[in-house]
Amino acid sequence: MTNKRVVIVGGVAGGATCAARLRRLDEHVEILLLDRGPYVSFANCGLPYYVGNVIQDESKLLLASPDLFKKRFNIEVRTRSEVIAIDRVAQTVSIRDRATGHDYSEPYDTLVLSPGAEPVCPPWPGVDLPGIFTLRNIPDSRNIREWIDTQHPEKAIIVGGGFIGLEMAENLAHRGIQVTVVELANQLMPPLDPEMAEYARRHVLSHGVALSLNNGVVGFEQSDGDGLIVRTQSGITFDAGLVVLAIGVRPETKLARDAGLEVGDRGGIRVDGGMRTSDPHIWAVGDAVEAKNIFTDQWELLPLAGPANRQARIAADVICGRSSRFDGVLGTAICGFFGLTVALTGETEKSLRRAGIADYEAVYLHPNQHVAYYPGAHPIHLKLLVRKSDGLVLGAQAVGEADVARRIDIIATAIHMKATAFDLENLELCYAPQYGAAKDPVNMAGMIAANVLRGDMDLAPWSNLSAGKAFLLDVREPHEFQAGAIPGSRNIPLGQLRSRLSELPLSEEIWVNCGVGQRAYYACRILAQHGFQVRNLSGGFQTYKTLYPAL
């Protein structure tokens, strides 16, 4: 690429990474990085924690300055420089200096678009009132901090119960503010399957955050004092001294649209595997692009830093003539709030159903993150999805207080390697009492799924539980059964099962339940070998309580 000129629009994860990678690959290419904001590279994932005073020094969020880019990489960076138009024929970009208002143009041989995504802010009445904020960049977080420090709000409304919404709920609560989360969906963390999100709901409530689910905001008003009134679809109103809109983000594609670049049905810039747009001289990366789902091959928007970094490296490789390809997204993500970790990778049951895929099996398990006899053991609630036809691992979701990320990362790696449930059960993973168990939760998930695939155990469909077509058997101890059980179930403890087989129907299907699924599996093996039609309710009573929380 000797004597070529690359202009990059937008910094942070996509643009800044692409620029640095380009320099490492080609010492002679001229690189100009333009960003309309005051900072070219900052840790936007850390913004909620700056609001909450967990991170107290704003400078800690700044990852690289224009001066560093120049000295270390010989890259020219211009901040407060907004690209307002692309002339694809002349191969120039029009730039507005936001400090002076002066417009000028710069030529390019190659153009890389990394404009990111903007927070969704519906045109609700009163949405522009003082005290209502979105959170995208350092100035946004600075404005929220200043509002808290000067106005001292006692109550805050978070609109949106997704990742950013719950992180903000924790951090505002950390500042001593009473928080209510208003979410249009009937669950928190909408990417999760509902029963896995139930753990998040319980945990948030236990930390004093109020929830209003299945309820959307319709507008805002100024109250008689200095506060705000939040109006919702249900007719309920909330008083607030601070409102944070955390509804989600949409790709910033105006520049691409105006230039006539192809934009997909999901609203993102369309790119190929080498991150090329519909113009052979223009690449695009990050939150503004659509990416293919690895399993469904459907276009998705995935505003996450990990994929943005990978896309940026691949774009730089391809620009420099290397053979690199972005192989799609899994949607691996994690969120922590009030000491709870929620993580997922790959497909969920919701996403599989949307894609019309029925060839899958779901297993639940609730192992501790390390052996129970070592102090500090906490359960990990894990759901694994595998393909019935061959055992291919499709996705996983996990919730717990410790070591959740490690398990999801292992499964994400396994998915990338096209591993099966049989591979998971045979993985050799670290074991010491304070770190795990001889059979790690990932191994256990693989073993349970493999047992189903081999025919050693059939799973009963939780969705058909209310149909009443099966004999429900609970093999827990009597004191466990009396503390709570599935309505209509019969209690025969596992230790008594062989001597009480005559009490069970041979002509009726038996669905077995226990605390977390292990004893039910033992019972299924006993009963199957005595001629009974038997199925296991995966995950036991622990899973039942999340699938049917109101019962």
Protein backbone atom coordinates (compact mmCIF):
# COMPACT_ATOMS: atom_id res chain seq x y z
CA MET A 1 0.00 0.00 0.00
CA THR A 2 2.99 2.30 -0.37
CA ASN A 3 1.99 5.94 -0.93
CA LYS A 4 -1.71 5.21 -0.33
CA ARG A 5 -3.91 7.39 1.88
CA VAL A 6 -6.43 5.88 4.29
CA VAL A 7 -9.02 8.08 5.98
CA ILE A 8 -10.87 6.60 8.96
CA VAL A 9 -14.12 8.10 10.21
CA GLY A 10 -14.65 7.48 13.92
CA GLY A 11 -12.37 6.20 16.65
CA VAL A 12 -12.96 4.08 19.78
CA ALA A 13 -12.99 0.28 19.29
CA GLY A 14 -13.42 0.14 15.52
CA GLY A 15 -11.61 3.10 14.00
CA ALA A 16 -8.73 3.33 16.46
CA THR A 17 -8.03 -0.41 16.25
CA CYS A 18 -8.11 -0.34 12.45
CA ALA A 19 -5.71 2.60 12.36
CA ALA A 20 -3.17 0.97 14.69
CA ARG A 21 -3.38 -2.35 12.84
CA LEU A 22 -2.86 -0.62 9.50
CA ARG A 23 0.30 1.01 10.76
CA ARG A 24 1.68 -2.27 12.07
CA LEU A 25 1.12 -3.82 8.65
CA ASP A 26 2.38 -0.92 6.54
CA GLU A 27 4.87 1.64 7.78
CA HIS A 28 4.48 3.84 4.69
CA VAL A 29 0.73 4.28 4.29
CA GLU A 30 -0.65 7.71 5.24
CA ILE A 31 -3.40 7.42 7.87
CA LEU A 32 -5.81 10.18 8.91
CA LEU A 33 -8.26 9.43 11.74
CA LEU A 34 -11.20 11.79 12.18
CA ASP A 35 -13.54 11.87 15.17
CA ARG A 36 -16.29 14.39 15.82
CA GLY A 37 -15.96 14.07 19.59
CA PRO A 38 -13.27 15.40 21.91
CA TYR A 39 -11.75 11.94 22.52
CA VAL A 40 -10.59 9.47 19.91
CA SER A 41 -10.19 6.40 22.12
CA PHE A 42 -12.01 5.92 25.40
CA ALA A 43 -13.51 3.08 27.45
CA ASN A 44 -17.21 3.54 26.80
CA CYS A 45 -17.99 0.30 28.65
CA GLY A 46 -16.67 1.98 31.78
CA LEU A 47 -19.02 4.97 31.62
CA PRO A 48 -21.70 3.65 34.04
CA TYR A 49 -18.99 3.03 36.63
CA TYR A 50 -17.69 6.57 36.27
CA VAL A 51 -21.24 7.80 36.94
CA GLY A 52 -21.36 5.57 40.02
CA ASN A 53 -17.99 6.76 41.35
CA VAL A 54 -16.57 3.25 41.12
CA ILE A 55 -14.14 4.84 38.66
CA GLN A 56 -13.44 8.26 40.12
CA ASP A 57 -10.72 9.57 37.81
CA GLU A 58 -12.08 10.47 34.36
CA SER A 59 -8.60 10.20 32.85
CA LYS A 60 -8.66 6.45 33.55
CA LEU A 61 -11.28 6.15 30.78
CA LEU A 62 -8.98 7.69 28.17
CA LEU A 63 -7.11 4.96 26.35
CA ALA A 64 -5.10 6.90 23.78
CA SER A 65 -4.62 10.55 22.85
CA PRO A 66 -3.93 12.14 19.45
CA ASP A 67 -0.42 12.82 20.65
CA LEU A 68 0.13 9.15 21.46
CA PHE A 69 -1.19 8.10 18.04
CA LYS A 70 1.23 10.50 16.38
CA LYS A 71 4.32 9.57 18.40
CA ARG A 72 3.75 5.82 18.60
CA PHE A 73 2.08 5.09 15.26
CA ASN A 74 2.69 8.14 13.08
CA ILE A 75 -1.06 8.51 12.65
CA GLU A 76 -2.66 11.93 12.36
CA VAL A 77 -5.74 12.25 14.56
CA ARG A 78 -8.16 15.16 14.38
CA THR A 79 -10.79 15.35 17.08
CA ARG A 80 -13.89 17.57 16.92
CA SER A 81 -13.76 16.93 13.18
CA GLU A 82 -17.09 15.72 11.83
CA VAL A 83 -17.31 14.10 8.40
CA ILE A 84 -20.52 15.47 6.89
CA ALA A 85 -20.42 14.02 3.35
CA ILE A 86 -18.64 11.52 1.12
CA ASP A 87 -17.98 12.17 -2.57
CA ARG A 88 -17.46 8.65 -3.90
CA VAL A 89 -16.62 9.83 -7.41
CA ALA A 90 -13.94 12.32 -6.36
CA GLN A 91 -12.96 10.09 -3.40
CA THR A 92 -13.07 12.92 -0.90
CA VAL A 93 -14.76 13.52 2.43
CA SER A 94 -16.19 16.85 3.56
CA ILE A 95 -15.25 17.72 7.13
CA ARG A 96 -16.61 20.29 9.55
CA ASP A 97 -14.32 21.59 12.28
CA ARG A 98 -16.72 21.64 15.23
CA ALA A 99 -14.57 24.12 17.09
CA THR A 100 -14.54 26.78 14.35
CA GLY A 101 -17.42 25.77 12.06
CA HIS A 102 -15.01 25.76 9.11
CA ASP A 103 -15.71 23.19 6.35
CA TYR A 104 -13.00 21.62 4.20
CA SER A 105 -12.32 18.39 2.30
CA GLU A 106 -9.71 15.66 2.33
CA PRO A 107 -8.96 13.03 -0.34
CA TYR A 108 -8.77 9.29 0.28
CA ASP A 109 -7.63 6.22 -1.58
CA THR A 110 -9.34 4.03 1.02
CA LEU A 111 -12.09 5.08 3.41
CA VAL A 112 -13.02 3.23 6.61
CA LEU A 113 -16.31 4.06 8.30
CA SER A 114 -16.58 3.48 12.05
CA PRO A 115 -19.33 5.92 13.10
CA GLY A 116 -20.71 3.64 15.81
CA ALA A 117 -24.26 3.70 17.12
CA GLU A 118 -26.35 6.34 18.82
CA PRO A 119 -28.67 5.86 21.81
CA VAL A 120 -32.32 5.39 20.90
CA CYS A 121 -34.27 8.45 22.02
CA PRO A 122 -37.93 8.28 20.90
CA PRO A 123 -39.74 11.59 20.26
CA TRP A 124 -41.71 11.38 23.49
CA PRO A 125 -43.32 14.56 24.80
CA GLY A 126 -40.92 16.22 27.23
CA VAL A 127 -37.93 14.05 26.33
CA ASP A 128 -35.76 17.18 26.07
CA LEU A 129 -36.50 18.35 29.62
CA PRO A 130 -33.54 18.96 31.94
CA GLY A 131 -32.62 15.87 33.94
CA ILE A 132 -33.19 13.36 31.12
CA PHE A 133 -30.01 11.78 29.77
CA THR A 134 -28.60 9.17 27.45
CA LEU A 135 -25.16 7.64 27.94
CA ARG A 136 -22.81 7.24 25.00
CA ASN A 137 -19.59 9.11 25.69
CA ILE A 138 -17.52 10.83 28.36
CA PRO A 139 -19.34 14.17 28.10
CA ASP A 140 -22.64 12.30 28.69
CA SER A 141 -21.28 10.64 31.83
CA ARG A 142 -19.83 13.95 32.97
CA ASN A 143 -23.23 15.61 32.55
CA ILE A 144 -24.99 12.94 34.61
CA ARG A 145 -22.38 13.18 37.36
CA GLU A 146 -22.73 16.97 37.44
CA TRP A 147 -26.53 16.68 37.64
CA ILE A 148 -26.27 14.30 40.58
CA ASP A 149 -23.72 16.50 42.35
CA THR A 150 -25.71 19.72 41.90
CA GLN A 151 -29.36 18.59 41.94
CA HIS A 152 -29.06 15.74 44.47
CA PRO A 153 -31.90 13.64 43.01
CA GLU A 154 -33.50 11.22 45.44
CA LYS A 155 -35.24 9.11 42.78
CA ALA A 156 -34.15 7.96 39.33
CA ILE A 157 -35.99 6.22 36.53
CA ILE A 158 -34.02 3.97 34.19
CA VAL A 159 -35.92 3.44 30.95
CA GLY A 160 -34.80 0.04 29.71
CA GLY A 161 -33.84 -3.12 31.59
CA GLY A 162 -31.04 -4.34 29.37
CA PHE A 163 -27.29 -4.42 29.98
CA ILE A 164 -26.71 -0.67 30.25
CA GLY A 165 -29.95 -0.13 32.17
CA LEU A 166 -29.04 -2.60 34.90
CA GLU A 167 -25.45 -1.36 35.13
CA MET A 168 -26.80 2.17 35.54
CA ALA A 169 -29.32 0.96 38.13
CA GLU A 170 -26.48 -0.47 40.21
CA ASN A 171 -24.32 2.62 39.90
CA LEU A 172 -27.09 5.08 40.72
CA ALA A 173 -28.05 2.97 43.72
CA HIS A 174 -24.37 3.10 44.68
CA ARG A 175 -24.77 6.88 44.76
CA GLY A 176 -27.65 6.55 47.24
CA ILE A 177 -30.44 7.16 44.72
CA GLN A 178 -33.70 5.21 44.80
CA VAL A 179 -33.99 3.52 41.39
CA THR A 180 -36.93 2.22 39.37
CA VAL A 181 -36.40 0.38 36.08
CA VAL A 182 -39.19 0.67 33.51
CA GLU A 183 -39.01 -1.98 30.77
CA LEU A 184 -41.38 -2.43 27.83
CA ALA A 185 -40.76 -6.20 27.64
CA ASN A 186 -42.14 -8.61 30.22
CA GLN A 187 -38.62 -9.50 31.40
CA LEU A 188 -35.27 -7.92 32.19
CA MET A 189 -32.31 -8.60 29.90
CA PRO A 190 -34.39 -9.16 26.73
CA PRO A 191 -31.65 -11.14 24.90
CA LEU A 192 -31.98 -13.92 27.50
CA ASP A 193 -34.63 -16.59 27.55
CA PRO A 194 -37.31 -15.54 30.09
CA GLU A 195 -36.56 -18.22 32.69
CA MET A 196 -32.87 -17.25 32.78
CA ALA A 197 -33.78 -13.57 33.11
CA GLU A 198 -35.89 -14.46 36.15
CA TYR A 199 -32.72 -14.78 38.25
CA ALA A 200 -31.83 -11.20 37.33
CA ARG A 201 -35.30 -9.97 38.28
CA ARG A 202 -35.14 -11.56 41.72
CA HIS A 203 -31.65 -10.29 42.36
CA VAL A 204 -32.39 -6.71 41.36
CA LEU A 205 -35.49 -6.62 43.56
CA SER A 206 -33.49 -8.00 46.50
CA HIS A 207 -31.20 -4.96 46.26
CA GLY A 208 -33.97 -2.42 46.58
CA VAL A 209 -34.47 -1.53 42.91
CA ALA A 210 -38.12 -1.27 41.89
CA LEU A 211 -39.25 -2.78 38.58
CA SER A 212 -42.09 -1.94 36.22
CA LEU A 213 -42.06 -4.61 33.51
CA ASN A 214 -44.33 -4.94 30.49
CA ASN A 215 -44.76 -1.18 30.70
CA GLY A 216 -43.51 1.43 28.27
CA VAL A 217 -42.83 5.14 28.74
CA VAL A 218 -45.07 7.55 26.80
CA GLY A 219 -43.80 10.94 27.93
CA PHE A 220 -42.35 13.28 30.53
CA GLU A 221 -43.55 16.40 32.29
CA GLN A 222 -42.03 18.92 34.64
CA SER A 223 -43.43 18.55 38.13
CA ASP A 224 -44.49 21.46 40.30
CA GLY A 225 -41.06 21.41 41.91
CA ASP A 226 -37.75 20.80 40.18
CA GLY A 227 -38.44 17.14 39.38
CA LEU A 228 -39.93 15.15 36.54
CA ILE A 229 -43.08 13.11 36.05
CA VAL A 230 -42.65 9.95 33.95
CA ARG A 231 -45.85 8.76 32.28
CA THR A 232 -46.23 5.14 31.15
CA GLN A 233 -48.53 3.06 28.97
CA SER A 234 -50.18 1.45 31.99
CA GLY A 235 -51.27 4.84 33.32
CA ILE A 236 -48.85 4.64 36.23
CA THR A 237 -46.73 7.76 36.75
CA PHE A 238 -43.37 7.99 38.48
CA ASP A 239 -41.70 10.95 40.15
CA ALA A 240 -38.02 11.35 39.39
CA GLY A 241 -35.17 13.76 39.84
CA LEU A 242 -33.15 11.99 37.15
CA VAL A 243 -34.06 9.88 34.09
CA VAL A 244 -31.62 7.79 32.07
CA LEU A 245 -32.74 6.44 28.70
CA ALA A 246 -31.16 3.01 28.18
CA ILE A 247 -33.49 1.66 25.52
CA GLY A 248 -30.76 0.54 23.18
CA VAL A 249 -28.78 1.92 20.27
CA ARG A 250 -29.21 2.25 16.53
CA PRO A 251 -26.40 2.31 13.94
CA GLU A 252 -25.33 5.73 12.72
CA THR A 253 -25.69 5.30 8.98
CA LYS A 254 -26.72 8.75 7.70
CA LEU A 255 -23.30 9.34 6.17
CA ALA A 256 -23.41 5.95 4.41
CA ARG A 257 -27.00 6.39 3.25
CA ASP A 258 -26.34 9.87 1.86
CA ALA A 259 -23.38 8.47 -0.04
CA GLY A 260 -25.55 5.74 -1.58
CA LEU A 261 -23.88 2.81 0.19
CA GLU A 262 -25.97 -0.31 0.70
CA VAL A 263 -27.78 -0.40 4.03
CA GLY A 264 -29.51 -3.59 5.18
CA ASP A 265 -32.99 -4.31 6.46
CA ARG A 266 -31.77 -4.12 10.07
CA GLY A 267 -30.54 -0.57 9.46
CA GLY A 268 -26.80 -1.26 9.41
CA ILE A 269 -24.23 -0.83 6.66
CA ARG A 270 -23.94 -4.00 4.60
CA VAL A 271 -20.43 -5.45 4.35
CA ASP A 272 -18.89 -8.64 3.03
CA GLY A 273 -16.59 -11.00 4.92
CA GLY A 274 -13.68 -8.63 4.37
CA MET A 275 -15.70 -5.70 5.79
CA ARG A 276 -16.02 -4.09 2.33
CA THR A 277 -19.10 -2.00 1.65
CA SER A 278 -20.87 -1.81 -1.70
CA ASP A 279 -18.14 0.65 -2.78
CA PRO A 280 -14.80 -1.08 -3.47
CA HIS A 281 -12.88 1.83 -1.91
CA ILE A 282 -14.89 1.95 1.33
CA TRP A 283 -14.83 -0.38 4.33
CA ALA A 284 -17.04 -0.26 7.45
CA VAL A 285 -16.65 -1.77 10.94
CA GLY A 286 -18.19 -1.76 14.39
CA ASP A 287 -21.64 -0.90 15.69
CA ALA A 288 -22.74 0.68 12.39
CA VAL A 289 -22.53 -2.54 10.34
CA GLU A 290 -24.71 -5.60 10.02
CA ALA A 291 -23.01 -8.95 10.60
CA LYS A 292 -24.05 -12.51 9.78
CA ASN A 293 -25.06 -14.84 12.60
CA ILE A 294 -22.79 -17.89 12.58
CA PHE A 295 -25.66 -20.38 12.92
CA THR A 296 -28.70 -18.81 11.26
CA ASP A 297 -26.80 -16.87 8.57
CA GLN A 298 -29.20 -13.99 9.22
CA TRP A 299 -28.09 -10.37 9.38
CA GLU A 300 -27.82 -8.93 12.89
CA LEU A 301 -26.83 -5.74 14.67
CA LEU A 302 -24.43 -6.45 17.51
CA PRO A 303 -23.07 -3.30 19.22
CA LEU A 304 -20.28 -4.98 21.18
CA ALA A 305 -16.62 -4.04 21.50
CA GLY A 306 -15.26 -7.54 20.84
CA PRO A 307 -16.73 -7.95 17.34
CA ALA A 308 -15.85 -4.32 16.53
CA ASN A 309 -12.18 -4.97 17.34
CA ARG A 310 -12.11 -8.15 15.27
CA GLN A 311 -13.80 -6.44 12.33
CA ALA A 312 -11.32 -3.57 12.52
CA ARG A 313 -8.33 -5.91 12.38
CA ILE A 314 -9.82 -7.82 9.46
CA ALA A 315 -10.56 -4.60 7.55
CA ALA A 316 -6.94 -3.52 8.01
CA ASP A 317 -5.71 -6.92 6.85
CA VAL A 318 -7.84 -6.86 3.70
CA ILE A 319 -6.91 -3.26 2.91
CA CYS A 320 -3.29 -4.36 3.05
CA GLY A 321 -3.90 -7.31 0.74
CA ARG A 322 -4.08 -10.06 3.32
CA SER A 323 -6.62 -12.86 3.10
CA SER A 324 -8.74 -12.37 6.23
CA ARG A 325 -12.43 -12.93 6.76
CA PHE A 326 -14.92 -12.11 9.50
CA ASP A 327 -16.72 -15.38 10.16
CA GLY A 328 -19.82 -13.95 11.85
CA VAL A 329 -21.05 -13.30 15.35
CA LEU A 330 -22.18 -15.38 18.30
CA GLY A 331 -23.40 -12.55 20.49
CA THR A 332 -21.15 -13.45 23.42
CA ALA A 333 -21.91 -10.89 26.11
CA ILE A 334 -21.73 -10.40 29.87
CA CYS A 335 -23.17 -8.02 32.42
CA GLY A 336 -22.71 -7.61 36.15
CA PHE A 337 -24.90 -5.83 38.68
CA PHE A 338 -25.17 -6.01 42.47
CA GLY A 339 -22.73 -8.93 42.57
CA LEU A 340 -24.61 -11.05 40.02
CA THR A 341 -23.14 -11.98 36.64
CA VAL A 342 -25.28 -12.75 33.59
CA ALA A 343 -23.62 -14.03 30.42
CA LEU A 344 -24.58 -15.70 27.16
CA THR A 345 -23.10 -16.92 23.92
CA GLY A 346 -24.55 -18.24 20.70
CA GLU A 347 -28.23 -18.97 20.25
CA THR A 348 -31.08 -18.77 22.73
CA GLU A 349 -34.38 -20.60 22.42
CA LYS A 350 -35.96 -17.29 21.43
CA SER A 351 -33.48 -16.74 18.59
CA LEU A 352 -33.80 -20.33 17.36
CA ARG A 353 -37.57 -20.04 17.24
CA ARG A 354 -37.35 -16.74 15.38
CA ALA A 355 -35.12 -18.44 12.82
CA GLY A 356 -37.54 -21.36 12.50
CA ILE A 357 -35.03 -23.88 13.89
CA ALA A 358 -36.57 -26.78 15.84
CA ASP A 359 -33.64 -29.21 15.80
CA TYR A 360 -32.33 -28.48 19.27
CA GLU A 361 -32.42 -29.68 22.86
CA ALA A 362 -32.15 -27.53 25.98
CA VAL A 363 -30.66 -28.77 29.24
CA TYR A 364 -30.55 -27.00 32.59
CA LEU A 365 -28.15 -27.51 35.48
CA HIS A 366 -27.32 -25.66 38.70
CA PRO A 367 -23.84 -26.73 39.87
CA ASN A 368 -21.68 -24.75 42.26
CA GLN A 369 -18.80 -22.82 40.75
CA HIS A 370 -16.46 -24.95 42.84
CA VAL A 371 -16.78 -27.93 45.16
CA ALA A 372 -19.33 -27.46 47.92
CA TYR A 373 -16.98 -28.42 50.74
CA TYR A 374 -14.66 -25.49 50.00
CA PRO A 375 -15.93 -22.23 51.57
CA GLY A 376 -17.66 -19.73 49.32
CA ALA A 377 -19.44 -22.04 46.91
CA HIS A 378 -22.17 -20.38 44.83
CA PRO A 379 -24.47 -21.94 42.23
CA ILE A 380 -24.17 -21.25 38.53
CA HIS A 381 -27.52 -21.52 36.77
CA LEU A 382 -26.61 -22.81 33.32
CA LYS A 383 -28.67 -23.51 30.21
CA LEU A 384 -27.05 -25.29 27.27
CA LEU A 385 -28.53 -25.64 23.78
CA VAL A 386 -27.31 -28.36 21.44
CA ARG A 387 -28.45 -29.63 18.06
CA LYS A 388 -30.38 -32.88 18.40
CA SER A 389 -29.19 -34.35 15.13
CA ASP A 390 -25.46 -34.29 15.90
CA GLY A 391 -24.91 -32.67 19.32
CA LEU A 392 -23.40 -29.45 17.94
CA VAL A 393 -23.23 -26.82 20.66
CA LEU A 394 -25.55 -23.93 19.70
CA GLY A 395 -25.50 -21.63 22.69
CA ALA A 396 -25.46 -21.17 26.44
CA GLN A 397 -26.70 -18.79 29.12
CA ALA A 398 -25.41 -18.62 32.68
CA VAL A 399 -26.24 -16.66 35.81
CA GLY A 400 -24.37 -16.68 39.10
CA GLU A 401 -22.28 -14.81 41.62
CA ALA A 402 -18.89 -16.28 40.73
CA ASP A 403 -16.91 -17.67 37.80
CA VAL A 404 -19.71 -17.34 35.26
CA ALA A 405 -17.50 -15.68 32.64
CA ARG A 406 -15.01 -18.54 32.56
CA ARG A 407 -17.72 -21.10 31.79
CA ILE A 408 -19.35 -19.04 29.05
CA ASP A 409 -15.95 -18.25 27.53
CA ILE A 410 -15.15 -21.97 27.37
CA ILE A 411 -18.45 -22.69 25.64
CA ALA A 412 -17.99 -19.74 23.25
CA THR A 413 -14.60 -21.15 22.31
CA ALA A 414 -16.15 -24.58 21.83
CA ILE A 415 -18.81 -23.12 19.53
CA HIS A 416 -16.15 -21.43 17.40
CA MET A 417 -14.38 -24.77 17.12
CA LYS A 418 -17.69 -26.45 16.11
CA ALA A 419 -17.60 -28.65 19.20
CA THR A 420 -20.39 -30.99 20.26
CA ALA A 421 -21.85 -31.97 23.62
CA PHE A 422 -19.61 -35.04 23.45
CA ASP A 423 -16.58 -32.73 23.22
CA LEU A 424 -17.73 -30.71 26.23
CA GLU A 425 -18.01 -33.77 28.44
CA ASN A 426 -14.45 -34.73 27.56
CA LEU A 427 -12.76 -31.33 27.96
CA GLU A 428 -9.80 -31.38 30.34
CA LEU A 429 -10.23 -28.28 32.49
CA CYS A 430 -8.50 -26.89 35.58
CA TYR A 431 -9.45 -28.37 38.92
CA ALA A 432 -8.61 -27.46 42.48
CA PRO A 433 -11.20 -27.14 45.25
CA GLN A 434 -11.22 -23.33 45.20
CA TYR A 435 -11.62 -23.16 41.40
CA GLY A 436 -13.98 -25.90 40.30
CA ALA A 437 -14.68 -29.59 40.52
CA ALA A 438 -13.34 -32.73 38.93
CA LYS A 439 -16.42 -32.53 36.73
CA ASP A 440 -16.53 -28.84 35.84
CA PRO A 441 -19.94 -27.25 35.19
CA VAL A 442 -19.03 -27.20 31.49
CA ASN A 443 -18.26 -30.94 31.60
CA MET A 444 -21.51 -31.55 33.44
CA ALA A 445 -23.50 -29.61 30.86
CA GLY A 446 -21.91 -31.72 28.14
CA MET A 447 -22.57 -34.94 30.04
CA ILE A 448 -26.25 -34.15 30.55
CA ALA A 449 -26.74 -33.23 26.91
CA ALA A 450 -24.77 -36.29 25.77
CA ASN A 451 -26.92 -38.54 27.96
CA VAL A 452 -29.99 -37.21 26.17
CA LEU A 453 -28.44 -37.57 22.71
CA ARG A 454 -27.32 -41.15 23.41
CA GLY A 455 -30.79 -42.09 24.58
CA ASP A 456 -29.78 -42.70 28.19
CA MET A 457 -32.39 -40.15 29.30
CA ASP A 458 -35.37 -38.44 27.71
CA LEU A 459 -36.31 -34.90 28.67
CA ALA A 460 -39.86 -33.88 29.40
CA PRO A 461 -40.98 -30.62 27.79
CA TRP A 462 -41.45 -28.04 30.52
CA SER A 463 -43.88 -26.21 28.23
CA ASN A 464 -46.33 -29.13 28.45
CA LEU A 465 -46.26 -29.40 32.22
CA SER A 466 -49.69 -27.83 32.68
CA ALA A 467 -51.31 -30.26 30.21
CA GLY A 468 -51.54 -32.87 32.97
CA LYS A 469 -50.84 -35.81 30.66
CA ALA A 470 -48.06 -37.36 32.73
CA PHE A 471 -47.56 -38.83 36.20
CA LEU A 472 -45.35 -36.36 38.10
CA LEU A 473 -42.82 -38.00 40.40
CA ASP A 474 -40.71 -36.01 42.87
CA VAL A 475 -37.74 -38.01 44.23
CA ARG A 476 -36.52 -35.47 46.80
CA GLU A 477 -36.60 -36.04 50.53
CA PRO A 478 -39.94 -35.38 52.29
CA HIS A 479 -38.77 -32.18 53.99
CA GLU A 480 -37.72 -30.76 50.59
CA PHE A 481 -41.04 -31.75 49.04
CA GLN A 482 -43.03 -30.15 51.85
CA ALA A 483 -41.10 -26.87 51.45
CA GLY A 484 -42.35 -26.53 47.88
CA ALA A 485 -43.23 -28.83 44.99
CA ILE A 486 -44.80 -28.93 41.54
CA PRO A 487 -48.58 -29.12 42.03
CA GLY A 488 -49.97 -32.62 41.51
CA SER A 489 -46.65 -34.41 41.95
CA ARG A 490 -46.15 -37.57 44.03
CA ASN A 491 -43.22 -37.80 46.43
CA ILE A 492 -41.18 -41.00 46.57
CA PRO A 493 -37.61 -40.32 47.78
CA LEU A 494 -34.89 -41.74 45.55
CA GLY A 495 -33.63 -44.03 48.34
CA GLN A 496 -37.06 -45.70 48.54
CA LEU A 497 -37.76 -45.88 44.82
CA ARG A 498 -36.73 -49.50 44.14
CA SER A 499 -38.91 -50.80 46.97
CA ARG A 500 -41.96 -48.77 45.88
CA LEU A 501 -42.06 -49.42 42.14
CA SER A 502 -45.52 -50.96 42.51
CA GLU A 503 -46.90 -47.50 43.31
CA LEU A 504 -46.01 -46.23 39.83
CA PRO A 505 -48.09 -46.68 36.65
CA LEU A 506 -46.63 -48.83 33.87
CA SER A 507 -49.17 -47.56 31.32
CA GLU A 508 -48.56 -43.85 31.94
CA GLU A 509 -45.57 -41.65 31.13
CA ILE A 510 -43.69 -40.62 34.27
CA TRP A 511 -41.99 -37.23 34.48
CA VAL A 512 -39.38 -37.17 37.23
CA ASN A 513 -38.36 -34.10 39.19
CA CYS A 514 -35.87 -33.38 41.99
CA GLY A 515 -33.96 -30.35 43.26
CA VAL A 516 -31.65 -29.63 40.32
CA GLY A 517 -31.96 -32.72 38.08
CA GLN A 518 -29.28 -35.11 39.28
CA ARG A 519 -31.40 -37.39 41.47
CA ALA A 520 -34.11 -37.35 38.81
CA TYR A 521 -31.55 -38.68 36.34
CA TYR A 522 -30.65 -41.51 38.71
CA ALA A 523 -34.35 -42.26 39.08
CA CYS A 524 -34.86 -42.23 35.31
CA ARG A 525 -32.12 -44.83 34.86
CA ILE A 526 -33.71 -47.06 37.50
CA LEU A 527 -37.23 -46.76 36.12
CA ALA A 528 -36.27 -47.15 32.46
CA GLN A 529 -34.57 -50.45 33.25
CA HIS A 530 -37.70 -51.66 35.03
CA GLY A 531 -39.88 -51.05 31.98
CA PHE A 532 -41.37 -47.65 32.83
CA GLN A 533 -41.92 -44.84 30.33
CA VAL A 534 -39.91 -42.10 31.99
CA ARG A 535 -38.63 -38.59 31.33
CA ASN A 536 -36.59 -36.09 33.32
CA LEU A 537 -37.70 -32.51 33.98
CA SER A 538 -34.32 -30.89 33.27
CA GLY A 539 -32.93 -28.75 36.07
CA GLY A 540 -35.53 -29.91 38.57
CA PHE A 541 -37.50 -27.73 40.96
CA GLN A 542 -34.88 -24.97 40.67
CA THR A 543 -35.74 -24.57 36.99
CA TYR A 544 -39.46 -24.89 37.68
CA LYS A 545 -39.36 -21.86 39.97
CA THR A 546 -37.99 -19.70 37.15
CA LEU A 547 -40.31 -21.05 34.46
CA TYR A 548 -43.38 -20.59 36.64
CA PRO A 549 -42.38 -17.77 39.04
CA ALA A 550 -45.95 -16.75 39.85
CA LEU A 551 -47.06 -20.25 40.89
